[in-house]
C-alpha atoms as a PDB file:
ATOM      1  CA  MET A   1      66.274  95.885  67.917  1.00  0.00           C
ATOM      2  CA  GLN A   2      63.199  97.120  69.745  1.00  0.00           C
ATOM      3  CA  ILE A   3      59.775  95.766  68.808  1.00  0.00           C
ATOM      4  CA  LYS A   4      56.635  97.354  70.228  1.00  0.00           C
ATOM      5  CA  PRO A   5      53.851  94.816  69.582  1.00  0.00           C
ATOM      6  CA  GLY A   6      51.158  97.059  71.029  1.00  0.00           C
ATOM      7  CA  LEU A   7      51.860  99.852  68.569  1.00  0.00           C
ATOM      8  CA  ILE A   8      52.082  97.445  65.670  1.00  0.00           C
ATOM      9  CA  MET A   9      48.699  95.889  66.464  1.00  0.00           C
ATOM     10  CA  LEU A  10      47.055  99.314  66.739  1.00  0.00           C
ATOM     11  CA  LYS A  11      48.362 100.304  63.360  1.00  0.00           C
ATOM     12  CA  TYR A  12      47.389  97.058  61.685  1.00  0.00           C
ATOM     13  CA  LYS A  13      43.954  96.157  63.011  1.00  0.00           C
ATOM     14  CA  LYS A  14      43.288  93.827  60.096  1.00  0.00           C
ATOM     15  CA  VAL A  15      46.106  91.406  59.531  1.00  0.00           C
ATOM     16  CA  THR A  16      46.413  87.999  57.954  1.00  0.00           C
ATOM     17  CA  LEU A  17      47.575  84.909  59.830  1.00  0.00           C
ATOM     18  CA  THR A  18      50.829  85.104  57.917  1.00  0.00           C
ATOM     19  CA  ARG A  19      51.481  88.630  59.109  1.00  0.00           C
ATOM     20  CA  ILE A  20      50.566  87.670  62.679  1.00  0.00           C
ATOM     21  CA  ALA A  21      53.062  84.821  62.487  1.00  0.00           C
ATOM     22  CA  ALA A  22      55.681  87.245  61.207  1.00  0.00           C
ATOM     23  CA  LEU A  23      55.022  89.620  64.101  1.00  0.00           C
ATOM     24  CA  VAL A  24      55.302  86.780  66.612  1.00  0.00           C
ATOM     25  CA  PHE A  25      58.608  85.788  65.059  1.00  0.00           C
ATOM     26  CA  LEU A  26      59.946  89.333  65.330  1.00  0.00           C
ATOM     27  CA  VAL A  27      58.950  89.606  68.981  1.00  0.00           C
ATOM     28  CA  ALA A  28      60.564  86.242  69.735  1.00  0.00           C
ATOM     29  CA  PHE A  29      63.693  87.318  67.908  1.00  0.00           C
ATOM     30  CA  ALA A  30      63.870  90.509  69.954  1.00  0.00           C
ATOM     31  CA  ALA A  31      63.628  88.477  73.152  1.00  0.00           C
ATOM     32  CA  SER A  32      66.544  86.329  72.023  1.00  0.00           C
ATOM     33  CA  CYS A  33      68.900  89.267  71.549  1.00  0.00           C
ATOM     34  CA  LYS A  34      71.899  89.834  73.816  1.00  0.00           C
ATOM     35  CA  LYS A  35      71.382  90.948  77.420  1.00  0.00           C
ATOM     36  CA  ASP A  36      71.888  94.601  76.589  1.00  0.00           C
ATOM     37  CA  GLY A  37      68.862  94.384  74.305  1.00  0.00           C
ATOM     38  CA  SER A  38      70.812  94.928  71.088  1.00  0.00           C
ATOM     39  CA  THR A  39      71.511  92.557  68.256  1.00  0.00           C
ATOM     40  CA  PRO A  40      75.132  91.598  67.538  1.00  0.00           C
ATOM     41  CA  VAL A  41      76.774  94.090  65.210  1.00  0.00           C
ATOM     42  CA  THR A  42      79.479  93.401  62.671  1.00  0.00           C
ATOM     43  CA  TYR A  43      81.996  96.237  62.635  1.00  0.00           C
ATOM     44  CA  ASP A  44      83.787  97.389  59.500  1.00  0.00           C
ATOM     45  CA  SER A  45      87.451  96.619  60.221  1.00  0.00           C
ATOM     46  CA  SER A  46      88.592  99.346  57.856  1.00  0.00           C
ATOM     47  CA  LYS A  47      87.066 102.018  60.097  1.00  0.00           C
ATOM     48  CA  LYS A  48      87.804 103.280  63.583  1.00  0.00           C
ATOM     49  CA  VAL A  49      85.040 102.289  65.997  1.00  0.00           C
ATOM     50  CA  VAL A  50      84.178 103.348  69.562  1.00  0.00           C
ATOM     51  CA  ILE A  51      81.586 101.336  71.503  1.00  0.00           C
ATOM     52  CA  SER A  52      80.557 102.595  74.932  1.00  0.00           C
ATOM     53  CA  ASP A  53      79.275 100.631  77.927  1.00  0.00           C
ATOM     54  CA  VAL A  54      79.607  97.164  76.453  1.00  0.00           C
ATOM     55  CA  LYS A  55      78.356  94.580  78.962  1.00  0.00           C
ATOM     56  CA  TYR A  56      80.828  91.819  79.657  1.00  0.00           C
ATOM     57  CA  GLY A  57      78.958  90.388  82.665  1.00  0.00           C
ATOM     58  CA  SER A  58      75.588  90.434  84.388  1.00  0.00           C
ATOM     59  CA  ASP A  59      76.387  93.037  87.055  1.00  0.00           C
ATOM     60  CA  THR A  60      75.683  96.671  86.197  1.00  0.00           C
ATOM     61  CA  SER A  61      79.323  97.507  86.960  1.00  0.00           C
ATOM     62  CA  GLU A  62      80.664  94.966  84.479  1.00  0.00           C
ATOM     63  CA  LYS A  63      80.957  97.256  81.466  1.00  0.00           C
ATOM     64  CA  MET A  64      83.749  98.402  79.187  1.00  0.00           C
ATOM     65  CA  ASP A  65      84.400 101.000  76.523  1.00  0.00           C
ATOM     66  CA  VAL A  66      85.860  99.507  73.357  1.00  0.00           C
ATOM     67  CA  TYR A  67      88.184 101.426  71.016  1.00  0.00           C
ATOM     68  CA  LEU A  68      88.912  99.644  67.747  1.00  0.00           C
ATOM     69  CA  PRO A  69      91.498 101.129  65.362  1.00  0.00           C
ATOM     70  CA  ALA A  70      90.987 101.434  61.626  1.00  0.00           C
ATOM     71  CA  GLY A  71      92.586  98.763  59.469  1.00  0.00           C
ATOM     72  CA  ARG A  72      92.563  96.160  62.204  1.00  0.00           C
ATOM     73  CA  SER A  73      92.800  92.401  61.770  1.00  0.00           C
ATOM     74  CA  ILE A  74      92.602  89.266  63.875  1.00  0.00           C
ATOM     75  CA  THR A  75      96.279  88.549  63.194  1.00  0.00           C
ATOM     76  CA  ALA A  76      97.808  91.971  63.738  1.00  0.00           C
ATOM     77  CA  THR A  77      95.742  94.118  66.115  1.00  0.00           C
ATOM     78  CA  LYS A  78      96.991  93.829  69.681  1.00  0.00           C
ATOM     79  CA  ILE A  79      94.876  94.276  72.817  1.00  0.00           C
ATOM     80  CA  LEU A  80      95.378  96.671  75.724  1.00  0.00           C
ATOM     81  CA  VAL A  81      93.057  96.246  78.711  1.00  0.00           C
ATOM     82  CA  MET A  82      93.033  99.251  81.049  1.00  0.00           C
ATOM     83  CA  VAL A  83      91.900  99.119  84.697  1.00  0.00           C
ATOM     84  CA  HIS A  84      91.094 102.348  86.568  1.00  0.00           C
ATOM     85  CA  GLY A  85      92.128 103.129  90.133  1.00  0.00           C
ATOM     86  CA  GLY A  86      90.272 104.431  93.164  1.00  0.00           C
ATOM     87  CA  SER A  87      91.258 102.399  96.249  1.00  0.00           C
ATOM     88  CA  TRP A  88      89.101  99.498  94.967  1.00  0.00           C
ATOM     89  CA  ASN A  89      86.006 101.349  96.198  1.00  0.00           C
ATOM     90  CA  GLU A  90      85.558 104.241  93.757  1.00  0.00           C
ATOM     91  CA  GLY A  91      86.704 105.519  90.373  1.00  0.00           C
ATOM     92  CA  ASP A  92      85.406 104.875  86.873  1.00  0.00           C
ATOM     93  CA  LYS A  93      86.671 103.940  83.429  1.00  0.00           C
ATOM     94  CA  THR A  94      86.097 107.537  82.347  1.00  0.00           C
ATOM     95  CA  ASP A  95      89.132 108.430  84.482  1.00  0.00           C
ATOM     96  CA  PHE A  96      91.202 107.001  81.627  1.00  0.00           C
ATOM     97  CA  ASN A  97      89.458 108.804  78.752  1.00  0.00           C
ATOM     98  CA  ALA A  98      92.281 111.278  78.165  1.00  0.00           C
ATOM     99  CA  ALA A  99      94.867 108.508  78.385  1.00  0.00           C
ATOM    100  CA  VAL A 100      92.980 106.485  75.799  1.00  0.00           C
ATOM    101  CA  ASP A 101      92.974 109.422  73.400  1.00  0.00           C
ATOM    102  CA  THR A 102      96.755 109.728  73.660  1.00  0.00           C
ATOM    103  CA  LEU A 103      97.482 106.007  73.522  1.00  0.00           C
ATOM    104  CA  GLN A 104      95.370 105.580  70.410  1.00  0.00           C
ATOM    105  CA  VAL A 105      97.773 107.922  68.637  1.00  0.00           C
ATOM    106  CA  LEU A 106     100.923 106.315  70.037  1.00  0.00           C
ATOM    107  CA  LEU A 107      99.665 102.743  69.621  1.00  0.00           C
ATOM    108  CA  PRO A 108      97.682 102.700  66.359  1.00  0.00           C
ATOM    109  CA  ASP A 109      97.905  98.909  66.105  1.00  0.00           C
ATOM    110  CA  TYR A 110      96.130  98.355  69.444  1.00  0.00           C
ATOM    111  CA  ALA A 111      92.486  97.896  70.325  1.00  0.00           C
ATOM    112  CA  ILE A 112      91.892  99.396  73.770  1.00  0.00           C
ATOM    113  CA  PHE A 113      89.381  98.005  76.251  1.00  0.00           C
ATOM    114  CA  ASN A 114      88.779 100.351  79.180  1.00  0.00           C
ATOM    115  CA  ILE A 115      86.886  98.491  81.888  1.00  0.00           C
ATOM    116  CA  ASN A 116      84.780  99.071  84.960  1.00  0.00           C
ATOM    117  CA  TYR A 117      84.551  96.449  87.684  1.00  0.00           C
ATOM    118  CA  ARG A 118      82.674  95.805  90.907  1.00  0.00           C
ATOM    119  CA  LEU A 119      83.770  98.139  93.697  1.00  0.00           C
ATOM    120  CA  SER A 120      84.184  97.064  97.319  1.00  0.00           C
ATOM    121  CA  ALA A 121      81.946  98.804  99.849  1.00  0.00           C
ATOM    122  CA  ASN A 122      80.374  97.922 103.187  1.00  0.00           C
ATOM    123  CA  GLY A 123      81.206  94.249 102.978  1.00  0.00           C
ATOM    124  CA  HIS A 124      80.051  93.856  99.390  1.00  0.00           C
ATOM    125  CA  ASN A 125      82.207  92.888  96.388  1.00  0.00           C
ATOM    126  CA  LEU A 126      85.116  91.840  98.552  1.00  0.00           C
ATOM    127  CA  PHE A 127      88.275  90.394  97.016  1.00  0.00           C
ATOM    128  CA  PRO A 128      88.427  88.550  94.645  1.00  0.00           C
ATOM    129  CA  ALA A 129      85.313  90.107  93.051  1.00  0.00           C
ATOM    130  CA  ALA A 130      87.194  92.878  91.224  1.00  0.00           C
ATOM    131  CA  LEU A 131      89.948  90.475  90.131  1.00  0.00           C
ATOM    132  CA  ASN A 132      87.351  88.057  88.813  1.00  0.00           C
ATOM    133  CA  ASP A 133      85.865  90.908  86.791  1.00  0.00           C
ATOM    134  CA  VAL A 134      89.200  91.568  85.101  1.00  0.00           C
ATOM    135  CA  GLY A 135      89.367  87.907  84.152  1.00  0.00           C
ATOM    136  CA  LEU A 136      85.748  87.942  82.968  1.00  0.00           C
ATOM    137  CA  ALA A 137      86.435  91.003  80.805  1.00  0.00           C
ATOM    138  CA  ILE A 138      89.338  89.205  79.155  1.00  0.00           C
ATOM    139  CA  GLN A 139      87.166  86.151  78.525  1.00  0.00           C
ATOM    140  CA  TYR A 140      84.580  88.376  76.873  1.00  0.00           C
ATOM    141  CA  ILE A 141      87.189  90.030  74.667  1.00  0.00           C
ATOM    142  CA  ASN A 142      88.485  86.615  73.621  1.00  0.00           C
ATOM    143  CA  SER A 143      84.956  85.526  72.728  1.00  0.00           C
ATOM    144  CA  GLN A 144      84.526  88.590  70.491  1.00  0.00           C
ATOM    145  CA  ALA A 145      87.879  88.314  68.689  1.00  0.00           C
ATOM    146  CA  GLU A 146      86.442  87.789  65.227  1.00  0.00           C
ATOM    147  CA  ARG A 147      83.734  90.438  65.567  1.00  0.00           C
ATOM    148  CA  TYR A 148      86.215  93.016  66.856  1.00  0.00           C
ATOM    149  CA  ALA A 149      89.041  91.774  64.569  1.00  0.00           C
ATOM    150  CA  VAL A 150      91.679  91.621  67.314  1.00  0.00           C
ATOM    151  CA  ASP A 151      94.548  89.256  68.044  1.00  0.00           C
ATOM    152  CA  THR A 152      93.894  87.626  71.417  1.00  0.00           C
ATOM    153  CA  GLN A 153      97.401  86.161  71.423  1.00  0.00           C
ATOM    154  CA  LYS A 154      98.851  89.629  71.991  1.00  0.00           C
ATOM    155  CA  LEU A 155      97.387  90.907  75.247  1.00  0.00           C
ATOM    156  CA  VAL A 156      98.651  93.699  77.515  1.00  0.00           C
ATOM    157  CA  LEU A 157      97.198  94.571  80.929  1.00  0.00           C
ATOM    158  CA  GLY A 158      97.665  97.957  82.562  1.00  0.00           C
ATOM    159  CA  GLY A 159      96.241 100.151  85.253  1.00  0.00           C
ATOM    160  CA  ALA A 160      96.745 102.930  87.747  1.00  0.00           C
ATOM    161  CA  SER A 161      96.878 102.610  91.546  1.00  0.00           C
ATOM    162  CA  ALA A 162      94.299  99.987  92.620  1.00  0.00           C
ATOM    163  CA  GLY A 163      93.734  99.272  88.930  1.00  0.00           C
ATOM    164  CA  ALA A 164      97.438  98.571  88.500  1.00  0.00           C
ATOM    165  CA  HIS A 165      97.213  96.159  91.433  1.00  0.00           C
ATOM    166  CA  LEU A 166      94.370  94.290  89.718  1.00  0.00           C
ATOM    167  CA  ALA A 167      96.107  94.287  86.340  1.00  0.00           C
ATOM    168  CA  LEU A 168      99.346  92.928  87.824  1.00  0.00           C
ATOM    169  CA  LEU A 169      97.545  90.389  89.966  1.00  0.00           C
ATOM    170  CA  GLN A 170      95.719  89.053  86.914  1.00  0.00           C
ATOM    171  CA  ALA A 171      98.906  89.062  84.838  1.00  0.00           C
ATOM    172  CA  TYR A 172     101.113  87.470  87.475  1.00  0.00           C
ATOM    173  CA  SER A 173      98.758  84.926  89.022  1.00  0.00           C
ATOM    174  CA  LYS A 174      97.425  83.692  85.685  1.00  0.00           C
ATOM    175  CA  PRO A 175     100.282  84.016  83.203  1.00  0.00           C
ATOM    176  CA  GLY A 176      99.861  82.659  79.712  1.00  0.00           C
ATOM    177  CA  GLY A 177     101.403  82.725  76.280  1.00  0.00           C
ATOM    178  CA  ASN A 178      98.989  85.409  75.115  1.00  0.00           C
ATOM    179  CA  LEU A 179      99.883  87.822  77.954  1.00  0.00           C
ATOM    180  CA  LYS A 180     102.819  89.789  76.597  1.00  0.00           C
ATOM    181  CA  ALA A 181     103.347  92.736  78.987  1.00  0.00           C
ATOM    182  CA  ALA A 182     102.021  94.618  82.011  1.00  0.00           C
ATOM    183  CA  ILE A 183     101.854  98.337  82.823  1.00  0.00           C
ATOM    184  CA  ASP A 184     101.986  99.478  86.451  1.00  0.00           C
ATOM    185  CA  LEU A 185     101.216 103.092  87.323  1.00  0.00           C
ATOM    186  CA  PHE A 186     102.039 103.434  91.043  1.00  0.00           C
ATOM    187  CA  GLY A 187     100.122 100.324  92.074  1.00  0.00           C
ATOM    188  CA  PRO A 188     100.310  98.527  95.448  1.00  0.00           C
ATOM    189  CA  VAL A 189     101.956  95.143  94.958  1.00  0.00           C
ATOM    190  CA  ASP A 190     102.623  93.835  98.487  1.00  0.00           C
ATOM    191  CA  LEU A 191      99.553  94.361 100.651  1.00  0.00           C
ATOM    192  CA  THR A 192     101.220  92.885 103.724  1.00  0.00           C
ATOM    193  CA  TRP A 193     104.025  95.430 103.542  1.00  0.00           C
ATOM    194  CA  LEU A 194     101.509  98.198 102.886  1.00  0.00           C
ATOM    195  CA  TYR A 195      99.453  97.247 105.957  1.00  0.00           C
ATOM    196  CA  ASN A 196     102.519  97.118 108.209  1.00  0.00           C
ATOM    197  CA  ASN A 197     104.582 100.008 106.826  1.00  0.00           C
ATOM    198  CA  HIS A 198     102.333 102.672 105.339  1.00  0.00           C
ATOM    199  CA  PRO A 199     103.336 106.096 106.758  1.00  0.00           C
ATOM    200  CA  VAL A 200      99.695 106.814 107.645  1.00  0.00           C
ATOM    201  CA  PRO A 201      98.319 103.440 108.777  1.00  0.00           C
ATOM    202  CA  GLN A 202      95.074 104.912 110.070  1.00  0.00           C
ATOM    203  CA  LEU A 203      94.255 105.828 106.471  1.00  0.00           C
ATOM    204  CA  ALA A 204      95.697 102.816 104.633  1.00  0.00           C
ATOM    205  CA  ARG A 205      94.442 100.003 106.817  1.00  0.00           C
ATOM    206  CA  PRO A 206      90.700 100.796 106.527  1.00  0.00           C
ATOM    207  CA  VAL A 207      91.073 100.833 102.729  1.00  0.00           C
ATOM    208  CA  LEU A 208      92.735  97.410 102.743  1.00  0.00           C
ATOM    209  CA  ILE A 209      90.173  95.991 105.161  1.00  0.00           C
ATOM    210  CA  ASN A 210      87.343  97.381 103.022  1.00  0.00           C
ATOM    211  CA  PHE A 211      88.828  95.585 100.002  1.00  0.00           C
ATOM    212  CA  LEU A 212      89.737  92.279 101.655  1.00  0.00           C
ATOM    213  CA  GLY A 213      87.145  92.114 104.395  1.00  0.00           C
ATOM    214  CA  VAL A 214      89.630  91.370 107.198  1.00  0.00           C
ATOM    215  CA  SER A 215      92.699  92.809 108.874  1.00  0.00           C
ATOM    216  CA  LEU A 216      96.175  91.376 108.353  1.00  0.00           C
ATOM    217  CA  GLU A 217      96.057  89.937 111.848  1.00  0.00           C
ATOM    218  CA  GLN A 218      92.883  88.064 110.992  1.00  0.00           C
ATOM    219  CA  ASP A 219      94.069  86.551 107.707  1.00  0.00           C
ATOM    220  CA  ALA A 220      97.699  87.050 106.707  1.00  0.00           C
ATOM    221  CA  GLN A 221      97.361  84.384 104.023  1.00  0.00           C
ATOM    222  CA  LEU A 222      94.666  86.380 102.247  1.00  0.00           C
ATOM    223  CA  TYR A 223      96.920  89.452 102.133  1.00  0.00           C
ATOM    224  CA  ALA A 224      99.643  87.354 100.512  1.00  0.00           C
ATOM    225  CA  GLN A 225      97.142  85.819  98.106  1.00  0.00           C
ATOM    226  CA  ALA A 226      95.998  89.304  97.053  1.00  0.00           C
ATOM    227  CA  SER A 227      99.555  90.595  96.476  1.00  0.00           C
ATOM    228  CA  PRO A 228     101.028  90.499  92.942  1.00  0.00           C
ATOM    229  CA  VAL A 229     104.587  89.988  94.257  1.00  0.00           C
ATOM    230  CA  THR A 230     103.519  86.590  95.597  1.00  0.00           C
ATOM    231  CA  TYR A 231     103.211  85.193  92.079  1.00  0.00           C
ATOM    232  CA  ILE A 232     106.313  86.520  90.355  1.00  0.00           C
ATOM    233  CA  SER A 233     108.289  83.841  88.538  1.00  0.00           C
ATOM    234  CA  ALA A 234     110.362  83.389  85.419  1.00  0.00           C
ATOM    235  CA  ALA A 235     107.056  83.209  83.502  1.00  0.00           C
ATOM    236  CA  THR A 236     105.956  86.693  84.610  1.00  0.00           C
ATOM    237  CA  PRO A 237     105.429  89.020  81.631  1.00  0.00           C
ATOM    238  CA  PRO A 238     107.686  92.048  81.046  1.00  0.00           C
ATOM    239  CA  THR A 239     106.564  94.927  83.247  1.00  0.00           C
ATOM    240  CA  ILE A 240     106.992  98.676  83.062  1.00  0.00           C
ATOM    241  CA  ILE A 241     106.565 100.573  86.347  1.00  0.00           C
ATOM    242  CA  PHE A 242     105.995 104.282  87.054  1.00  0.00           C
ATOM    243  CA  HIS A 243     106.081 105.945  90.461  1.00  0.00           C
ATOM    244  CA  GLY A 244     106.459 109.380  92.027  1.00  0.00           C
ATOM    245  CA  THR A 245     109.058 109.700  94.769  1.00  0.00           C
ATOM    246  CA  ALA A 246     106.694 111.762  96.957  1.00  0.00           C
ATOM    247  CA  ASP A 247     103.724 109.398  96.702  1.00  0.00           C
ATOM    248  CA  ASP A 248     102.057 109.296 100.124  1.00  0.00           C
ATOM    249  CA  VAL A 249      99.182 107.032  99.030  1.00  0.00           C
ATOM    250  CA  VAL A 250     101.203 104.106  97.698  1.00  0.00           C
ATOM    251  CA  PRO A 251     104.811 104.594  98.867  1.00  0.00           C
ATOM    252  CA  ILE A 252     107.470 104.197  96.188  1.00  0.00           C
ATOM    253  CA  GLU A 253     108.963 101.321  98.191  1.00  0.00           C
ATOM    254  CA  GLU A 254     106.208  99.169  96.695  1.00  0.00           C
ATOM    255  CA  SER A 255     107.580  99.674  93.192  1.00  0.00           C
ATOM    256  CA  ILE A 256     111.170  99.303  94.313  1.00  0.00           C
ATOM    257  CA  MET A 257     110.300  95.929  95.862  1.00  0.00           C
ATOM    258  CA  LEU A 258     108.462  94.936  92.712  1.00  0.00           C
ATOM    259  CA  GLN A 259     111.434  95.688  90.490  1.00  0.00           C
ATOM    260  CA  ALA A 260     113.814  93.831  92.803  1.00  0.00           C
ATOM    261  CA  LYS A 261     111.710  90.674  92.688  1.00  0.00           C
ATOM    262  CA  LEU A 262     111.255  90.899  88.916  1.00  0.00           C
ATOM    263  CA  GLN A 263     114.999  91.202  88.527  1.00  0.00           C
ATOM    264  CA  SER A 264     115.585  88.204  90.795  1.00  0.00           C
ATOM    265  CA  PHE A 265     113.708  86.107  88.233  1.00  0.00           C
ATOM    266  CA  ASN A 266     115.294  87.871  85.235  1.00  0.00           C
ATOM    267  CA  VAL A 267     111.936  89.262  84.134  1.00  0.00           C
ATOM    268  CA  PRO A 268     112.387  92.198  81.722  1.00  0.00           C
ATOM    269  CA  ASN A 269     111.309  95.367  83.466  1.00  0.00           C
ATOM    270  CA  SER A 270     111.736  99.112  83.705  1.00  0.00           C
ATOM    271  CA  LEU A 271     111.134 101.408  86.676  1.00  0.00           C
ATOM    272  CA  ILE A 272     110.653 105.079  85.856  1.00  0.00           C
ATOM    273  CA  THR A 273     110.514 107.458  88.818  1.00  0.00           C
ATOM    274  CA  TYR A 274     109.500 111.105  88.926  1.00  0.00           C
ATOM    275  CA  ALA A 275     111.209 113.212  91.579  1.00  0.00           C
ATOM    276  CA  GLY A 276     108.801 115.128  93.801  1.00  0.00           C
ATOM    277  CA  GLU A 277     105.677 113.729  92.163  1.00  0.00           C
ATOM    278  CA  GLY A 278     102.884 112.241  94.239  1.00  0.00           C
ATOM    279  CA  HIS A 279     100.149 109.767  93.398  1.00  0.00           C
ATOM    280  CA  GLY A 280      99.919 110.735  89.729  1.00  0.00           C
ATOM    281  CA  TRP A 281     101.241 113.600  87.604  1.00  0.00           C
ATOM    282  CA  PHE A 282     100.481 115.817  84.628  1.00  0.00           C
ATOM    283  CA  ASP A 283     102.062 117.894  81.863  1.00  0.00           C
ATOM    284  CA  SER A 284     105.468 116.867  80.483  1.00  0.00           C
ATOM    285  CA  ASN A 285     105.916 113.968  82.891  1.00  0.00           C
ATOM    286  CA  LEU A 286     102.589 112.510  81.829  1.00  0.00           C
ATOM    287  CA  THR A 287     103.465 112.922  78.166  1.00  0.00           C
ATOM    288  CA  GLU A 288     106.740 111.138  78.805  1.00  0.00           C
ATOM    289  CA  THR A 289     104.887 108.335  80.611  1.00  0.00           C
ATOM    290  CA  TYR A 290     102.735 107.624  77.565  1.00  0.00           C
ATOM    291  CA  ILE A 291     105.741 107.725  75.243  1.00  0.00           C
ATOM    292  CA  LYS A 292     107.671 105.303  77.445  1.00  0.00           C
ATOM    293  CA  ILE A 293     104.693 102.935  77.610  1.00  0.00           C
ATOM    294  CA  ALA A 294     104.477 102.901  73.823  1.00  0.00           C
ATOM    295  CA  ALA A 295     108.226 102.278  73.473  1.00  0.00           C
ATOM    296  CA  PHE A 296     108.140  99.452  76.017  1.00  0.00           C
ATOM    297  CA  LEU A 297     105.235  97.718  74.294  1.00  0.00           C
ATOM    298  CA  LYS A 298     106.845  98.029  70.886  1.00  0.00           C
ATOM    299  CA  LEU A 299     109.913  96.327  72.352  1.00  0.00           C
ATOM    300  CA  TYR A 300     108.165  93.393  74.019  1.00  0.00           C
ATOM    301  CA  VAL A 301     104.889  92.877  72.139  1.00  0.00           C
ATOM    302  CA  GLU A 302     105.489  91.763  68.581  1.00  0.00           C
END
């Protein structure tokens, strides 16, 4: 709702006290609307709905695109939260637009929430800012369960690269009964190993320091705290992992270590590798990735 008192008063030069009171009420009501300046909307659950740039926090980066399927309900429509990559310092939710289109077809009983988060740069938004944003986005989704007609007890987190790291870190460090599965597309999971063993340390280390604010030598505990593998336990949700064997950004050893630790705690998991692929892939391998994600979720999210 947008009220323009100046225009209204010009149009109605002669008004009664009652009409003035009504105008004051409307202006006050407009001021009480949500932070994005719009009134709350009730969405028809029988229809497919797409809502862009929904604010889930006060920072300009804290926005999400919401994709609600037709025929949804608060008892049957599951939730998939997607977190984009970009070395924690770039990237955007629009990177996942094509993936969302495909997953909507393969997962018609899911509402998809594709989020942005604060990016680390020049000492700003250091860890755990981005992780806190993932948690804040989930809190917002939970608060809107009835309006969106989604089942908050059936939550899946997924991401690519740095986004996969954030999704896994949220899923593993804060497990709960509503968190049913996690999707990892070539994400870094052990930042200590990555700092010490990356094949091109002069490229990897500045990225990690930009994200965490310190080197491993300065704060080894922080690197462990920011690593999803640190939190794996028997309570960790089922996880599906994808990685290219020729990935020179996040070496495949990260995913191999992740699977080994998941297996040590008997956590259901699947590691799918693509021979010769780097940090991401297209065409038939990408189509297969989406199909395998859908199959995995149908198996573990009821």
